[in-house]
């Protein structure tokens, strides 16, 4: 329930190596925590943060990567105009 509400601090513990759902949930929450850390850095003005895509289908990672690139470009243009 916490994860669905956006609280990714919950520690998911798979019951075994064969616990496919538990392992998937563990990896998903870990990935969401990392995305949250990246968002915190971007919100603090750090546009140099590196986005590591989880796969070629990583929609959230691609969006974050595009956003940081656009923010970097906008910042560079603004600095040149000053």
Protein backbone atom coordinates (compact mmCIF):
# COMPACT_ATOMS: atom_id res chain seq x y z
CA UNK A 1 0.00 0.00 0.00
CA UNK A 2 2.83 2.42 0.81
CA UNK A 3 4.49 1.92 -2.57
CA UNK A 4 1.21 2.63 -4.38
CA UNK A 5 0.99 5.90 -2.41
CA UNK A 6 4.47 6.97 -3.52
CA UNK A 7 6.41 5.93 -0.40
CA UNK A 8 9.39 4.02 -1.75
CA UNK A 9 11.15 3.76 1.59
CA UNK A 10 9.53 0.39 2.24
CA UNK A 11 12.03 -2.43 2.03
CA UNK A 12 10.70 -5.27 -0.12
CA UNK A 13 12.14 -8.63 0.81
CA UNK A 14 11.57 -11.47 -1.67
CA UNK A 15 10.82 -14.76 0.07
CA UNK A 16 13.38 -16.62 -2.03
CA UNK A 17 15.30 -16.46 -5.30
CA UNK A 18 12.32 -18.18 -6.91
CA UNK A 19 9.86 -15.51 -5.68
CA UNK A 20 9.33 -13.88 -9.10
CA UNK A 21 6.80 -11.33 -7.85
CA UNK A 22 8.84 -10.42 -4.79
CA UNK A 23 12.02 -10.04 -6.85
CA UNK A 24 10.21 -7.93 -9.45
CA UNK A 25 8.75 -5.70 -6.73
CA UNK A 26 12.17 -5.36 -5.10
CA UNK A 27 13.75 -4.27 -8.40
CA UNK A 28 10.85 -1.94 -9.19
CA UNK A 29 11.04 -0.13 -5.85
CA UNK A 30 14.81 0.13 -6.15
CA UNK A 31 14.40 1.69 -9.60
CA UNK A 32 11.74 4.10 -8.35
CA UNK A 33 13.99 5.16 -5.45
CA UNK A 34 16.79 5.89 -7.92
CA UNK A 35 14.40 7.90 -10.12
CA UNK A 36 13.29 9.83 -7.03
CA UNK A 37 16.91 10.65 -6.20
CA UNK A 38 17.45 11.90 -9.74
CA UNK A 39 14.30 14.04 -9.52
CA UNK A 40 15.49 15.50 -6.20
CA UNK A 41 18.81 16.44 -7.81
CA UNK A 42 17.08 18.05 -10.78
CA UNK A 43 14.71 19.95 -8.47
CA UNK A 44 17.76 21.26 -6.61
CA UNK A 45 19.16 22.60 -9.89
CA UNK A 46 21.67 19.85 -10.63
CA UNK A 47 21.15 19.19 -14.32
CA UNK A 48 24.40 17.28 -14.63
CA UNK A 49 22.89 14.22 -12.99
CA UNK A 50 23.40 11.08 -15.04
CA UNK A 51 20.38 8.99 -16.01
CA UNK A 52 21.07 5.28 -16.31
CA UNK A 53 18.45 3.65 -18.50
CA UNK A 54 17.30 0.26 -17.23
CA UNK A 55 16.56 -0.95 -20.76
CA UNK A 56 15.77 0.39 -24.22
CA UNK A 57 12.11 0.49 -23.11
CA UNK A 58 12.73 2.56 -19.95
CA UNK A 59 10.10 5.26 -20.51
CA UNK A 60 10.70 7.05 -17.20
CA UNK A 61 14.46 7.03 -17.65
CA UNK A 62 14.18 8.36 -21.19
CA UNK A 63 11.82 11.14 -20.07
CA UNK A 64 14.18 12.14 -17.24
CA UNK A 65 17.13 12.08 -19.62
CA UNK A 66 15.33 14.28 -22.15
CA UNK A 67 14.21 16.65 -19.40
CA UNK A 68 17.71 17.11 -17.97
CA UNK A 69 19.16 17.63 -21.46
CA UNK A 70 16.55 20.28 -22.22
CA UNK A 71 17.14 21.97 -18.87
CA UNK A 72 20.92 21.96 -19.47
CA UNK A 73 20.42 23.42 -22.95
CA UNK A 74 18.04 26.11 -21.65
CA UNK A 75 20.42 27.02 -18.86
CA UNK A 76 23.36 27.26 -21.26
CA UNK A 77 21.38 29.50 -23.63
CA UNK A 78 20.30 31.71 -20.74
CA UNK A 79 23.89 32.02 -19.49
CA UNK A 80 25.15 32.99 -22.94
CA UNK A 81 22.48 35.70 -23.25
CA UNK A 82 23.55 37.34 -19.98
